[in-house]
N, C-alpha and C. Protein backbone atom coordinates (compact mmCIF):
# COMPACT_ATOMS: atom_id res chain seq x y z
N MET A 1 -6.67 8.80 5.55
CA MET A 1 -7.51 8.75 6.75
C MET A 1 -6.63 8.35 7.95
N ARG A 2 -6.41 9.26 8.89
CA ARG A 2 -5.61 8.95 10.06
C ARG A 2 -6.19 9.67 11.27
N TRP A 3 -5.67 9.33 12.44
CA TRP A 3 -6.15 9.94 13.66
C TRP A 3 -5.63 11.36 13.82
N SER A 4 -4.33 11.57 13.61
CA SER A 4 -3.75 12.89 13.78
C SER A 4 -2.36 12.89 13.15
N ALA A 5 -1.79 14.09 13.05
CA ALA A 5 -0.42 14.20 12.53
C ALA A 5 0.56 13.49 13.45
N GLN A 6 0.33 13.60 14.76
CA GLN A 6 1.24 12.96 15.72
C GLN A 6 1.20 11.44 15.58
N ALA A 7 0.00 10.87 15.44
CA ALA A 7 -0.13 9.42 15.29
C ALA A 7 0.55 8.96 14.01
N ASP A 8 0.38 9.71 12.92
CA ASP A 8 1.03 9.36 11.67
C ASP A 8 2.54 9.37 11.81
N ALA A 9 3.06 10.40 12.50
CA ALA A 9 4.51 10.52 12.64
C ALA A 9 5.07 9.38 13.48
N VAL A 10 4.40 9.05 14.58
CA VAL A 10 4.89 7.99 15.47
C VAL A 10 4.85 6.63 14.78
N VAL A 11 3.68 6.29 14.22
CA VAL A 11 3.55 4.99 13.57
C VAL A 11 4.40 4.93 12.30
N GLY A 12 4.47 6.04 11.57
CA GLY A 12 5.31 6.06 10.39
C GLY A 12 6.77 5.81 10.71
N GLY A 13 7.26 6.39 11.82
CA GLY A 13 8.63 6.13 12.22
C GLY A 13 8.86 4.68 12.62
N ALA A 14 7.88 4.10 13.34
CA ALA A 14 8.01 2.70 13.73
C ALA A 14 7.99 1.78 12.52
N VAL A 15 7.10 2.05 11.57
CA VAL A 15 7.02 1.23 10.36
C VAL A 15 8.29 1.39 9.52
N ALA A 16 8.89 2.59 9.56
CA ALA A 16 10.16 2.79 8.84
C ALA A 16 11.24 1.87 9.38
N GLY A 17 11.27 1.70 10.70
CA GLY A 17 12.24 0.77 11.28
C GLY A 17 12.01 -0.65 10.82
N VAL A 18 10.73 -1.06 10.76
CA VAL A 18 10.40 -2.39 10.25
C VAL A 18 10.80 -2.50 8.78
N GLY A 19 10.58 -1.43 8.01
CA GLY A 19 10.93 -1.44 6.60
C GLY A 19 12.42 -1.62 6.36
N VAL A 20 13.24 -0.93 7.16
CA VAL A 20 14.69 -1.09 7.03
C VAL A 20 15.10 -2.52 7.37
N ALA A 21 14.51 -3.06 8.44
CA ALA A 21 14.83 -4.44 8.82
C ALA A 21 14.41 -5.43 7.73
N CYS A 22 13.28 -5.16 7.09
CA CYS A 22 12.80 -6.03 6.02
C CYS A 22 13.78 -6.03 4.85
N LEU A 23 14.27 -4.84 4.47
CA LEU A 23 15.22 -4.76 3.37
C LEU A 23 16.54 -5.44 3.73
N VAL A 24 16.98 -5.28 4.96
CA VAL A 24 18.23 -5.92 5.39
C VAL A 24 18.09 -7.44 5.34
N ARG A 25 16.97 -7.96 5.83
CA ARG A 25 16.76 -9.41 5.81
C ARG A 25 16.69 -9.93 4.37
N ALA A 26 16.02 -9.18 3.51
CA ALA A 26 15.91 -9.61 2.13
C ALA A 26 17.27 -9.59 1.43
N ARG A 27 18.08 -8.59 1.75
CA ARG A 27 19.40 -8.48 1.13
C ARG A 27 20.34 -9.60 1.60
N ARG A 28 20.24 -9.97 2.88
CA ARG A 28 21.13 -10.98 3.43
C ARG A 28 20.63 -12.40 3.20
N SER A 29 19.43 -12.53 2.68
CA SER A 29 18.88 -13.87 2.49
C SER A 29 19.64 -14.64 1.42
N ARG A 30 19.70 -15.95 1.59
CA ARG A 30 20.32 -16.80 0.57
C ARG A 30 19.38 -17.06 -0.60
N TRP A 31 18.12 -16.62 -0.45
CA TRP A 31 17.13 -16.85 -1.50
C TRP A 31 16.75 -15.52 -2.14
N PRO A 32 16.46 -15.51 -3.44
CA PRO A 32 16.08 -14.26 -4.12
C PRO A 32 14.84 -13.65 -3.47
N GLN A 33 14.85 -12.33 -3.29
CA GLN A 33 13.74 -11.62 -2.68
C GLN A 33 13.33 -10.47 -3.60
N PRO A 34 12.04 -10.37 -3.95
CA PRO A 34 11.59 -9.24 -4.77
C PRO A 34 11.75 -7.93 -4.00
N PHE A 35 12.49 -7.00 -4.58
CA PHE A 35 12.73 -5.73 -3.92
C PHE A 35 11.43 -4.96 -3.71
N SER A 36 10.49 -5.04 -4.68
CA SER A 36 9.25 -4.27 -4.57
C SER A 36 8.43 -4.67 -3.35
N LEU A 37 8.44 -5.95 -2.99
CA LEU A 37 7.71 -6.39 -1.80
C LEU A 37 8.49 -6.09 -0.53
N ALA A 38 9.79 -6.31 -0.56
CA ALA A 38 10.60 -6.05 0.62
C ALA A 38 10.62 -4.56 0.97
N ALA A 39 10.48 -3.71 -0.05
CA ALA A 39 10.50 -2.26 0.19
C ALA A 39 9.12 -1.70 0.53
N LEU A 40 8.09 -2.53 0.46
CA LEU A 40 6.73 -2.03 0.69
C LEU A 40 6.54 -1.43 2.09
N PRO A 41 7.04 -2.04 3.17
CA PRO A 41 6.89 -1.39 4.48
C PRO A 41 7.54 -0.01 4.55
N LEU A 42 8.70 0.14 3.91
CA LEU A 42 9.35 1.44 3.91
C LEU A 42 8.51 2.47 3.16
N MET A 43 7.89 2.04 2.07
CA MET A 43 7.03 2.95 1.31
C MET A 43 5.78 3.31 2.12
N LEU A 44 5.23 2.34 2.87
CA LEU A 44 4.09 2.64 3.73
C LEU A 44 4.45 3.63 4.81
N SER A 45 5.67 3.52 5.33
CA SER A 45 6.10 4.48 6.36
C SER A 45 6.22 5.88 5.77
N VAL A 46 6.77 5.99 4.57
CA VAL A 46 6.86 7.29 3.91
C VAL A 46 5.47 7.87 3.68
N HIS A 47 4.54 6.99 3.30
CA HIS A 47 3.17 7.42 3.06
C HIS A 47 2.56 8.02 4.32
N GLN A 48 2.78 7.39 5.45
CA GLN A 48 2.23 7.90 6.70
C GLN A 48 2.91 9.19 7.13
N LEU A 49 4.21 9.28 6.95
CA LEU A 49 4.92 10.50 7.30
C LEU A 49 4.48 11.66 6.41
N VAL A 50 4.22 11.36 5.14
CA VAL A 50 3.72 12.40 4.24
C VAL A 50 2.35 12.88 4.70
N GLU A 51 1.50 11.95 5.14
CA GLU A 51 0.18 12.40 5.57
C GLU A 51 0.23 13.17 6.88
N ALA A 52 1.26 12.97 7.68
CA ALA A 52 1.43 13.84 8.84
C ALA A 52 1.55 15.31 8.38
N LEU A 53 2.24 15.51 7.26
CA LEU A 53 2.32 16.87 6.69
C LEU A 53 0.98 17.31 6.15
N VAL A 54 0.21 16.37 5.58
CA VAL A 54 -1.12 16.72 5.08
C VAL A 54 -2.01 17.20 6.22
N TRP A 55 -1.92 16.50 7.37
CA TRP A 55 -2.67 16.94 8.54
C TRP A 55 -2.30 18.37 8.93
N LEU A 56 -1.01 18.65 8.97
CA LEU A 56 -0.57 20.00 9.33
C LEU A 56 -1.08 21.03 8.33
N GLY A 57 -1.08 20.64 7.05
CA GLY A 57 -1.60 21.55 6.03
C GLY A 57 -3.09 21.79 6.19
N ALA A 58 -3.85 20.73 6.54
CA ALA A 58 -5.29 20.89 6.75
C ALA A 58 -5.58 21.77 7.95
N ASP A 59 -4.68 21.79 8.93
CA ASP A 59 -4.86 22.63 10.11
C ASP A 59 -4.27 24.03 9.92
N GLY A 60 -3.75 24.32 8.72
CA GLY A 60 -3.21 25.63 8.45
C GLY A 60 -1.84 25.88 9.04
N GLU A 61 -1.11 24.81 9.38
CA GLU A 61 0.20 24.97 10.01
C GLU A 61 1.35 24.80 9.03
N LEU A 62 1.05 24.67 7.74
CA LEU A 62 2.08 24.57 6.70
C LEU A 62 1.82 25.62 5.63
N PRO A 63 2.86 26.13 4.96
CA PRO A 63 2.64 27.01 3.83
C PRO A 63 1.86 26.28 2.73
N PRO A 64 0.97 26.95 2.03
CA PRO A 64 0.14 26.31 1.01
C PRO A 64 0.93 25.50 -0.03
N PRO A 65 2.07 26.00 -0.55
CA PRO A 65 2.80 25.17 -1.54
C PRO A 65 3.28 23.85 -0.96
N LEU A 66 3.78 23.85 0.29
CA LEU A 66 4.25 22.63 0.90
C LEU A 66 3.09 21.68 1.20
N ALA A 67 1.97 22.22 1.62
CA ALA A 67 0.78 21.39 1.87
C ALA A 67 0.28 20.76 0.58
N GLU A 68 0.30 21.51 -0.50
CA GLU A 68 -0.13 20.97 -1.79
C GLU A 68 0.82 19.86 -2.26
N ALA A 69 2.11 20.06 -2.07
CA ALA A 69 3.08 19.03 -2.46
C ALA A 69 2.89 17.76 -1.63
N ALA A 70 2.57 17.89 -0.34
CA ALA A 70 2.34 16.72 0.51
C ALA A 70 1.10 15.97 0.05
N ARG A 71 0.03 16.67 -0.29
CA ARG A 71 -1.19 16.01 -0.77
C ARG A 71 -0.94 15.27 -2.08
N THR A 72 -0.17 15.89 -2.97
CA THR A 72 0.13 15.24 -4.25
C THR A 72 0.99 14.00 -4.04
N ALA A 73 1.99 14.10 -3.17
CA ALA A 73 2.85 12.94 -2.89
C ALA A 73 2.04 11.80 -2.28
N TRP A 74 1.12 12.13 -1.38
CA TRP A 74 0.25 11.11 -0.79
C TRP A 74 -0.55 10.39 -1.87
N ALA A 75 -1.12 11.17 -2.79
CA ALA A 75 -1.96 10.58 -3.84
C ALA A 75 -1.14 9.72 -4.80
N VAL A 76 0.08 10.14 -5.11
CA VAL A 76 0.92 9.36 -6.03
C VAL A 76 1.21 7.99 -5.46
N ILE A 77 1.53 7.92 -4.17
CA ILE A 77 1.83 6.63 -3.55
C ILE A 77 0.57 5.78 -3.46
N ALA A 78 -0.52 6.39 -3.02
CA ALA A 78 -1.74 5.62 -2.75
C ALA A 78 -2.41 5.14 -4.03
N LEU A 79 -2.37 5.92 -5.10
CA LEU A 79 -3.19 5.60 -6.27
C LEU A 79 -2.42 4.91 -7.39
N PRO A 80 -1.57 5.59 -8.16
CA PRO A 80 -0.96 4.87 -9.30
C PRO A 80 0.18 3.93 -8.93
N LEU A 81 0.80 4.10 -7.76
CA LEU A 81 2.00 3.32 -7.46
C LEU A 81 1.69 1.93 -6.92
N LEU A 82 0.81 1.84 -5.94
CA LEU A 82 0.55 0.55 -5.30
C LEU A 82 -0.05 -0.51 -6.23
N PRO A 83 -1.02 -0.18 -7.11
CA PRO A 83 -1.57 -1.24 -7.97
C PRO A 83 -0.57 -1.77 -9.00
N VAL A 84 0.57 -1.11 -9.14
CA VAL A 84 1.62 -1.63 -10.02
C VAL A 84 2.64 -2.44 -9.23
N LEU A 85 3.09 -1.90 -8.11
CA LEU A 85 4.17 -2.55 -7.36
C LEU A 85 3.73 -3.85 -6.68
N VAL A 86 2.52 -3.87 -6.12
CA VAL A 86 2.11 -5.06 -5.38
C VAL A 86 1.97 -6.29 -6.28
N PRO A 87 1.15 -6.25 -7.35
CA PRO A 87 1.07 -7.46 -8.19
C PRO A 87 2.38 -7.81 -8.87
N ALA A 88 3.16 -6.79 -9.25
CA ALA A 88 4.45 -7.07 -9.88
C ALA A 88 5.38 -7.77 -8.90
N GLY A 89 5.36 -7.35 -7.63
CA GLY A 89 6.20 -7.99 -6.63
C GLY A 89 5.77 -9.41 -6.34
N VAL A 90 4.45 -9.65 -6.27
CA VAL A 90 3.96 -11.01 -6.04
C VAL A 90 4.31 -11.90 -7.23
N TRP A 91 4.16 -11.38 -8.43
CA TRP A 91 4.52 -12.14 -9.63
C TRP A 91 6.01 -12.48 -9.62
N GLN A 92 6.84 -11.51 -9.26
CA GLN A 92 8.27 -11.76 -9.20
C GLN A 92 8.59 -12.83 -8.17
N ALA A 93 7.90 -12.78 -7.02
CA ALA A 93 8.13 -13.80 -5.99
C ALA A 93 7.71 -15.17 -6.49
N ALA A 94 6.63 -15.23 -7.27
CA ALA A 94 6.14 -16.51 -7.78
C ALA A 94 7.09 -17.12 -8.80
N CYS A 95 7.95 -16.30 -9.39
CA CYS A 95 8.90 -16.81 -10.38
C CYS A 95 10.21 -17.28 -9.76
N GLU A 96 10.33 -17.16 -8.44
CA GLU A 96 11.54 -17.63 -7.78
C GLU A 96 11.64 -19.15 -7.87
N PRO A 97 12.84 -19.70 -7.95
CA PRO A 97 13.01 -21.16 -7.95
C PRO A 97 12.46 -21.78 -6.67
N GLY A 98 11.70 -22.84 -6.83
CA GLY A 98 11.17 -23.55 -5.69
C GLY A 98 9.91 -22.95 -5.08
N HIS A 99 9.40 -21.86 -5.66
CA HIS A 99 8.21 -21.25 -5.11
C HIS A 99 6.99 -22.12 -5.45
N PRO A 100 6.12 -22.38 -4.46
CA PRO A 100 5.01 -23.29 -4.68
C PRO A 100 3.84 -22.66 -5.44
N VAL A 101 4.06 -22.23 -6.66
CA VAL A 101 3.03 -21.62 -7.49
C VAL A 101 3.02 -22.30 -8.84
N GLY A 102 1.87 -22.80 -9.25
CA GLY A 102 1.75 -23.47 -10.53
C GLY A 102 1.66 -22.49 -11.68
N PRO A 103 1.73 -23.01 -12.91
CA PRO A 103 1.69 -22.12 -14.09
C PRO A 103 0.39 -21.36 -14.22
N HIS A 104 -0.73 -21.93 -13.80
CA HIS A 104 -2.01 -21.22 -13.92
C HIS A 104 -2.03 -19.98 -13.02
N ARG A 105 -1.53 -20.13 -11.81
CA ARG A 105 -1.49 -18.98 -10.91
C ARG A 105 -0.51 -17.93 -11.41
N ARG A 106 0.59 -18.38 -11.98
CA ARG A 106 1.55 -17.41 -12.50
C ARG A 106 0.96 -16.62 -13.66
N ARG A 107 0.19 -17.29 -14.52
CA ARG A 107 -0.47 -16.56 -15.60
C ARG A 107 -1.48 -15.57 -15.03
N GLY A 108 -2.19 -15.98 -13.98
CA GLY A 108 -3.12 -15.07 -13.34
C GLY A 108 -2.42 -13.85 -12.75
N LEU A 109 -1.24 -14.06 -12.18
CA LEU A 109 -0.49 -12.95 -11.62
C LEU A 109 0.02 -12.02 -12.72
N VAL A 110 0.38 -12.58 -13.86
CA VAL A 110 0.77 -11.74 -15.00
C VAL A 110 -0.40 -10.86 -15.42
N GLN A 111 -1.59 -11.46 -15.50
CA GLN A 111 -2.77 -10.71 -15.90
C GLN A 111 -3.10 -9.61 -14.90
N LEU A 112 -2.96 -9.90 -13.61
CA LEU A 112 -3.22 -8.88 -12.60
C LEU A 112 -2.18 -7.77 -12.64
N THR A 113 -0.94 -8.11 -12.96
CA THR A 113 0.10 -7.09 -13.09
C THR A 113 -0.21 -6.15 -14.25
N VAL A 114 -0.63 -6.72 -15.37
CA VAL A 114 -1.02 -5.90 -16.53
C VAL A 114 -2.22 -5.03 -16.18
N LEU A 115 -3.22 -5.63 -15.51
CA LEU A 115 -4.39 -4.87 -15.10
C LEU A 115 -4.01 -3.73 -14.17
N GLY A 116 -3.07 -3.99 -13.25
CA GLY A 116 -2.62 -2.94 -12.36
C GLY A 116 -2.00 -1.77 -13.11
N ALA A 117 -1.21 -2.08 -14.15
CA ALA A 117 -0.62 -1.01 -14.96
C ALA A 117 -1.69 -0.23 -15.70
N VAL A 118 -2.72 -0.94 -16.18
CA VAL A 118 -3.82 -0.26 -16.88
C VAL A 118 -4.59 0.63 -15.92
N ILE A 119 -4.87 0.13 -14.71
CA ILE A 119 -5.59 0.91 -13.72
C ILE A 119 -4.78 2.14 -13.30
N ALA A 120 -3.46 2.00 -13.26
CA ALA A 120 -2.62 3.11 -12.80
C ALA A 120 -2.62 4.28 -13.78
N ILE A 121 -2.89 4.04 -15.05
CA ILE A 121 -2.83 5.12 -16.05
C ILE A 121 -3.86 6.21 -15.77
N PRO A 122 -5.18 5.89 -15.68
CA PRO A 122 -6.12 6.97 -15.37
C PRO A 122 -5.95 7.56 -13.98
N LEU A 123 -5.45 6.74 -13.03
CA LEU A 123 -5.20 7.28 -11.69
C LEU A 123 -4.07 8.31 -11.73
N ALA A 124 -3.00 7.99 -12.45
CA ALA A 124 -1.89 8.93 -12.58
C ALA A 124 -2.33 10.19 -13.34
N ALA A 125 -3.15 10.01 -14.37
CA ALA A 125 -3.65 11.16 -15.13
C ALA A 125 -4.50 12.07 -14.25
N ALA A 126 -5.32 11.46 -13.37
CA ALA A 126 -6.16 12.26 -12.48
C ALA A 126 -5.31 13.06 -11.49
N VAL A 127 -4.28 12.43 -10.94
CA VAL A 127 -3.40 13.13 -9.99
C VAL A 127 -2.66 14.27 -10.70
N ALA A 128 -2.25 14.03 -11.95
CA ALA A 128 -1.49 15.04 -12.69
C ALA A 128 -2.35 16.21 -13.15
N SER A 129 -3.64 15.97 -13.39
CA SER A 129 -4.48 17.00 -14.00
C SER A 129 -5.44 17.66 -13.02
N HIS A 130 -5.60 17.11 -11.82
CA HIS A 130 -6.53 17.68 -10.85
C HIS A 130 -5.79 17.98 -9.54
N PRO A 131 -6.11 19.10 -8.91
CA PRO A 131 -5.51 19.38 -7.60
C PRO A 131 -6.05 18.40 -6.56
N VAL A 132 -5.19 17.93 -5.69
CA VAL A 132 -5.58 17.02 -4.62
C VAL A 132 -5.96 17.84 -3.40
N THR A 133 -7.19 17.64 -2.92
CA THR A 133 -7.65 18.36 -1.74
C THR A 133 -7.81 17.39 -0.58
N ALA A 134 -7.63 17.88 0.63
CA ALA A 134 -7.80 17.08 1.84
C ALA A 134 -8.59 17.90 2.85
N THR A 135 -9.72 17.37 3.28
CA THR A 135 -10.61 18.06 4.21
C THR A 135 -10.73 17.24 5.48
N ARG A 136 -10.67 17.91 6.58
CA ARG A 136 -10.76 17.21 7.87
C ARG A 136 -12.22 16.97 8.22
N TYR A 137 -12.54 15.70 8.53
CA TYR A 137 -13.87 15.31 9.00
C TYR A 137 -13.69 14.60 10.33
N GLY A 138 -13.94 15.31 11.42
CA GLY A 138 -13.75 14.69 12.72
C GLY A 138 -12.30 14.29 12.92
N HIS A 139 -12.07 12.98 13.07
CA HIS A 139 -10.72 12.47 13.26
C HIS A 139 -10.16 11.83 11.99
N THR A 140 -10.71 12.16 10.85
CA THR A 140 -10.24 11.59 9.60
C THR A 140 -9.99 12.69 8.58
N LEU A 141 -9.32 12.32 7.51
CA LEU A 141 -9.12 13.21 6.37
C LEU A 141 -9.83 12.63 5.17
N GLY A 142 -10.59 13.46 4.48
CA GLY A 142 -11.24 13.04 3.24
C GLY A 142 -10.54 13.67 2.06
N TYR A 143 -10.15 12.84 1.08
CA TYR A 143 -9.43 13.33 -0.10
C TYR A 143 -10.37 13.41 -1.30
N ALA A 144 -10.15 14.41 -2.12
CA ALA A 144 -10.89 14.56 -3.38
C ALA A 144 -9.88 14.83 -4.49
N ILE A 145 -9.96 14.03 -5.56
CA ILE A 145 -8.98 14.14 -6.64
C ILE A 145 -9.65 14.31 -8.00
N GLY A 146 -10.88 13.88 -8.13
CA GLY A 146 -11.55 13.96 -9.42
C GLY A 146 -11.24 12.78 -10.30
N ILE A 147 -11.34 11.57 -9.74
CA ILE A 147 -11.04 10.35 -10.50
C ILE A 147 -12.25 9.96 -11.34
N PRO A 148 -12.08 9.71 -12.63
CA PRO A 148 -13.20 9.28 -13.46
C PRO A 148 -13.56 7.82 -13.16
N HIS A 149 -14.87 7.53 -13.21
CA HIS A 149 -15.37 6.17 -12.97
C HIS A 149 -14.77 5.58 -11.70
N PRO A 150 -14.98 6.20 -10.55
CA PRO A 150 -14.30 5.76 -9.33
C PRO A 150 -14.66 4.34 -8.91
N ALA A 151 -15.91 3.92 -9.08
CA ALA A 151 -16.31 2.58 -8.65
C ALA A 151 -15.56 1.51 -9.46
N PHE A 152 -15.45 1.73 -10.77
CA PHE A 152 -14.75 0.78 -11.63
C PHE A 152 -13.27 0.71 -11.28
N LEU A 153 -12.65 1.87 -11.09
CA LEU A 153 -11.23 1.90 -10.79
C LEU A 153 -10.95 1.34 -9.40
N LEU A 154 -11.85 1.58 -8.44
CA LEU A 154 -11.66 1.04 -7.11
C LEU A 154 -11.72 -0.49 -7.14
N ALA A 155 -12.67 -1.03 -7.90
CA ALA A 155 -12.77 -2.49 -8.01
C ALA A 155 -11.50 -3.07 -8.62
N GLY A 156 -11.00 -2.44 -9.68
CA GLY A 156 -9.76 -2.90 -10.29
C GLY A 156 -8.56 -2.75 -9.37
N TYR A 157 -8.55 -1.68 -8.59
CA TYR A 157 -7.47 -1.43 -7.64
C TYR A 157 -7.41 -2.55 -6.61
N LEU A 158 -8.55 -2.88 -6.00
CA LEU A 158 -8.58 -3.94 -4.99
C LEU A 158 -8.28 -5.30 -5.60
N LEU A 159 -8.74 -5.52 -6.83
CA LEU A 159 -8.48 -6.79 -7.49
C LEU A 159 -7.00 -7.00 -7.71
N THR A 160 -6.30 -5.96 -8.14
CA THR A 160 -4.88 -6.11 -8.44
C THR A 160 -4.03 -6.22 -7.17
N THR A 161 -4.35 -5.45 -6.14
CA THR A 161 -3.53 -5.45 -4.93
C THR A 161 -3.88 -6.63 -4.02
N VAL A 162 -5.12 -6.65 -3.54
CA VAL A 162 -5.53 -7.73 -2.64
C VAL A 162 -5.59 -9.06 -3.38
N GLY A 163 -6.12 -9.04 -4.62
CA GLY A 163 -6.28 -10.28 -5.39
C GLY A 163 -4.96 -10.96 -5.69
N SER A 164 -3.92 -10.18 -6.01
CA SER A 164 -2.62 -10.79 -6.31
C SER A 164 -2.04 -11.47 -5.07
N LEU A 165 -2.24 -10.87 -3.89
CA LEU A 165 -1.74 -11.49 -2.66
C LEU A 165 -2.49 -12.79 -2.36
N LEU A 166 -3.81 -12.78 -2.56
CA LEU A 166 -4.59 -13.98 -2.31
C LEU A 166 -4.27 -15.08 -3.31
N LEU A 167 -3.89 -14.69 -4.53
CA LEU A 167 -3.58 -15.68 -5.56
C LEU A 167 -2.21 -16.31 -5.35
N SER A 168 -1.38 -15.68 -4.54
CA SER A 168 -0.03 -16.20 -4.31
C SER A 168 -0.11 -17.56 -3.62
N GLY A 169 0.81 -18.43 -3.98
CA GLY A 169 0.90 -19.72 -3.32
C GLY A 169 1.62 -19.64 -1.98
N ASP A 170 2.05 -18.43 -1.61
CA ASP A 170 2.78 -18.20 -0.37
C ASP A 170 1.78 -18.00 0.77
N ARG A 171 1.90 -18.81 1.81
CA ARG A 171 0.96 -18.74 2.94
C ARG A 171 0.97 -17.36 3.59
N LEU A 172 2.15 -16.77 3.80
CA LEU A 172 2.22 -15.48 4.46
C LEU A 172 1.68 -14.36 3.58
N LEU A 173 1.92 -14.44 2.27
CA LEU A 173 1.38 -13.42 1.38
C LEU A 173 -0.14 -13.52 1.28
N ARG A 174 -0.67 -14.75 1.31
CA ARG A 174 -2.13 -14.89 1.33
C ARG A 174 -2.71 -14.31 2.61
N ARG A 175 -2.02 -14.51 3.72
CA ARG A 175 -2.48 -13.92 4.98
C ARG A 175 -2.45 -12.41 4.90
N LEU A 176 -1.41 -11.87 4.26
CA LEU A 176 -1.33 -10.43 4.07
C LEU A 176 -2.51 -9.93 3.23
N GLY A 177 -2.90 -10.71 2.21
CA GLY A 177 -4.05 -10.33 1.41
C GLY A 177 -5.33 -10.29 2.22
N LEU A 178 -5.52 -11.26 3.11
CA LEU A 178 -6.70 -11.27 3.98
C LEU A 178 -6.69 -10.06 4.93
N VAL A 179 -5.52 -9.76 5.48
CA VAL A 179 -5.41 -8.63 6.41
C VAL A 179 -5.72 -7.32 5.69
N THR A 180 -5.13 -7.11 4.52
CA THR A 180 -5.35 -5.85 3.81
C THR A 180 -6.78 -5.73 3.29
N GLY A 181 -7.35 -6.84 2.82
CA GLY A 181 -8.73 -6.79 2.35
C GLY A 181 -9.70 -6.46 3.47
N THR A 182 -9.54 -7.12 4.61
CA THR A 182 -10.38 -6.84 5.77
C THR A 182 -10.15 -5.41 6.28
N GLY A 183 -8.89 -5.01 6.30
CA GLY A 183 -8.58 -3.65 6.75
C GLY A 183 -9.16 -2.58 5.86
N ALA A 184 -9.20 -2.83 4.55
CA ALA A 184 -9.79 -1.85 3.63
C ALA A 184 -11.27 -1.65 3.93
N VAL A 185 -11.98 -2.75 4.21
CA VAL A 185 -13.40 -2.65 4.55
C VAL A 185 -13.59 -1.88 5.85
N LEU A 186 -12.78 -2.20 6.86
CA LEU A 186 -12.90 -1.53 8.15
C LEU A 186 -12.57 -0.04 8.03
N CYS A 187 -11.53 0.27 7.25
CA CYS A 187 -11.18 1.69 7.06
C CYS A 187 -12.34 2.45 6.43
N ALA A 188 -13.00 1.84 5.44
CA ALA A 188 -14.12 2.50 4.77
C ALA A 188 -15.28 2.71 5.74
N LEU A 189 -15.57 1.71 6.56
CA LEU A 189 -16.68 1.83 7.51
C LEU A 189 -16.39 2.87 8.58
N LEU A 190 -15.19 2.87 9.13
CA LEU A 190 -14.86 3.81 10.18
C LEU A 190 -14.77 5.23 9.64
N TRP A 191 -14.28 5.38 8.41
CA TRP A 191 -14.24 6.72 7.81
C TRP A 191 -15.64 7.25 7.60
N ARG A 192 -16.57 6.37 7.27
CA ARG A 192 -17.96 6.78 7.03
C ARG A 192 -18.54 7.44 8.29
N PHE A 193 -18.13 6.98 9.46
CA PHE A 193 -18.62 7.56 10.70
C PHE A 193 -17.68 8.64 11.23
N ALA A 194 -16.66 8.99 10.45
CA ALA A 194 -15.72 10.06 10.82
C ALA A 194 -15.15 9.83 12.21
N PHE A 195 -14.84 8.59 12.53
CA PHE A 195 -14.29 8.29 13.85
C PHE A 195 -12.78 8.22 13.74
N MET A 196 -12.19 7.04 13.66
CA MET A 196 -10.74 6.94 13.50
C MET A 196 -10.45 5.85 12.48
N SER A 197 -9.32 5.98 11.82
CA SER A 197 -8.98 5.03 10.77
C SER A 197 -8.17 3.86 11.32
N THR A 198 -8.35 2.71 10.69
CA THR A 198 -7.53 1.56 11.03
C THR A 198 -6.26 1.51 10.18
N TRP A 199 -6.02 2.53 9.38
CA TRP A 199 -4.92 2.45 8.42
C TRP A 199 -3.57 2.33 9.11
N CYS A 200 -3.37 3.05 10.21
CA CYS A 200 -2.09 2.96 10.91
C CYS A 200 -1.84 1.52 11.36
N ALA A 201 -2.86 0.92 11.98
CA ALA A 201 -2.71 -0.47 12.41
C ALA A 201 -2.56 -1.41 11.22
N LEU A 202 -3.25 -1.12 10.14
CA LEU A 202 -3.16 -1.96 8.94
C LEU A 202 -1.76 -1.90 8.35
N ALA A 203 -1.19 -0.71 8.25
CA ALA A 203 0.15 -0.57 7.70
C ALA A 203 1.17 -1.28 8.59
N ALA A 204 1.00 -1.15 9.90
CA ALA A 204 1.92 -1.82 10.81
C ALA A 204 1.80 -3.34 10.71
N SER A 205 0.58 -3.85 10.64
CA SER A 205 0.38 -5.29 10.54
C SER A 205 0.96 -5.83 9.23
N ALA A 206 0.69 -5.12 8.12
CA ALA A 206 1.21 -5.56 6.84
C ALA A 206 2.74 -5.57 6.85
N SER A 207 3.33 -4.56 7.47
CA SER A 207 4.79 -4.47 7.52
C SER A 207 5.39 -5.61 8.33
N LEU A 208 4.76 -5.95 9.45
CA LEU A 208 5.26 -7.06 10.27
C LEU A 208 5.15 -8.39 9.54
N LEU A 209 4.06 -8.59 8.81
CA LEU A 209 3.91 -9.81 8.02
C LEU A 209 4.99 -9.91 6.94
N LEU A 210 5.28 -8.78 6.28
CA LEU A 210 6.32 -8.79 5.26
C LEU A 210 7.70 -8.99 5.88
N LEU A 211 7.91 -8.48 7.08
CA LEU A 211 9.18 -8.72 7.76
C LEU A 211 9.33 -10.21 8.06
N HIS A 212 8.25 -10.85 8.49
CA HIS A 212 8.28 -12.28 8.75
C HIS A 212 8.51 -13.06 7.46
N TRP A 213 7.97 -12.54 6.36
CA TRP A 213 8.11 -13.22 5.05
C TRP A 213 9.51 -13.08 4.48
N SER A 214 10.14 -11.93 4.67
CA SER A 214 11.43 -11.67 4.03
C SER A 214 12.50 -12.58 4.60
N GLY A 215 13.37 -13.02 3.73
CA GLY A 215 14.51 -13.81 4.16
C GLY A 215 14.22 -15.27 4.37
N ARG A 216 12.97 -15.70 4.16
CA ARG A 216 12.62 -17.09 4.39
C ARG A 216 12.71 -17.88 3.08
N PRO A 217 13.13 -19.13 3.14
CA PRO A 217 13.22 -19.92 1.92
C PRO A 217 11.83 -20.27 1.39
N PRO A 218 11.69 -20.50 0.09
CA PRO A 218 10.37 -20.81 -0.47
C PRO A 218 9.72 -22.02 0.17
N THR A 219 10.50 -23.04 0.58
CA THR A 219 9.91 -24.24 1.17
C THR A 219 9.24 -23.93 2.50
N ASN A 220 9.64 -22.86 3.16
CA ASN A 220 9.04 -22.50 4.44
C ASN A 220 7.87 -21.54 4.27
N ARG A 221 7.55 -21.16 3.03
CA ARG A 221 6.48 -20.22 2.80
C ARG A 221 5.19 -20.92 2.40
N ARG A 222 5.17 -22.24 2.36
CA ARG A 222 3.99 -22.95 1.90
C ARG A 222 2.93 -22.94 2.99
């Protein structure tokens, strides 16, 4: 769900710059940094740039094979990839020395990571076995993939991604969980009215929070 191909391209390029800076800060930090979380802004930028191609395909400005490949790439990132990488990255961050997370929260993060892997299996199967379609509704794109039991999988998806961030003992990661959870609700409401999506702003906000988080010592993340 985005405003246009141009908006996706512009914001995707800006988020890519934030993603590169996040990786550089994480690499130069004196403290261990989970690569999966530090690379998340870069992945979000790729996701937005891919959807710029989806927009062009929906408008008939791309050859059908390229448009189909863009829709599939969008679905792979959005569906089976994120519910695995996000909780795994938060769990990895919680295992860093000096991180303010107790054993109960760490066990909870392990459980959410396992749940994310379980949720990703039917999502990946749906993407592999069903063609991904994208239809333009006003200023938004509506995707159809043929996911079985969508309500159940959506609940598990949000639990693993947003829930793992909220469960983190890291103040900035918990803030990121609040931002993404609120943004998901707003995106759903705005898409319902076929107006404009908050996803571009959500991706940018999440990337800036992760940039602020990267490279900081655990004692400063409380």
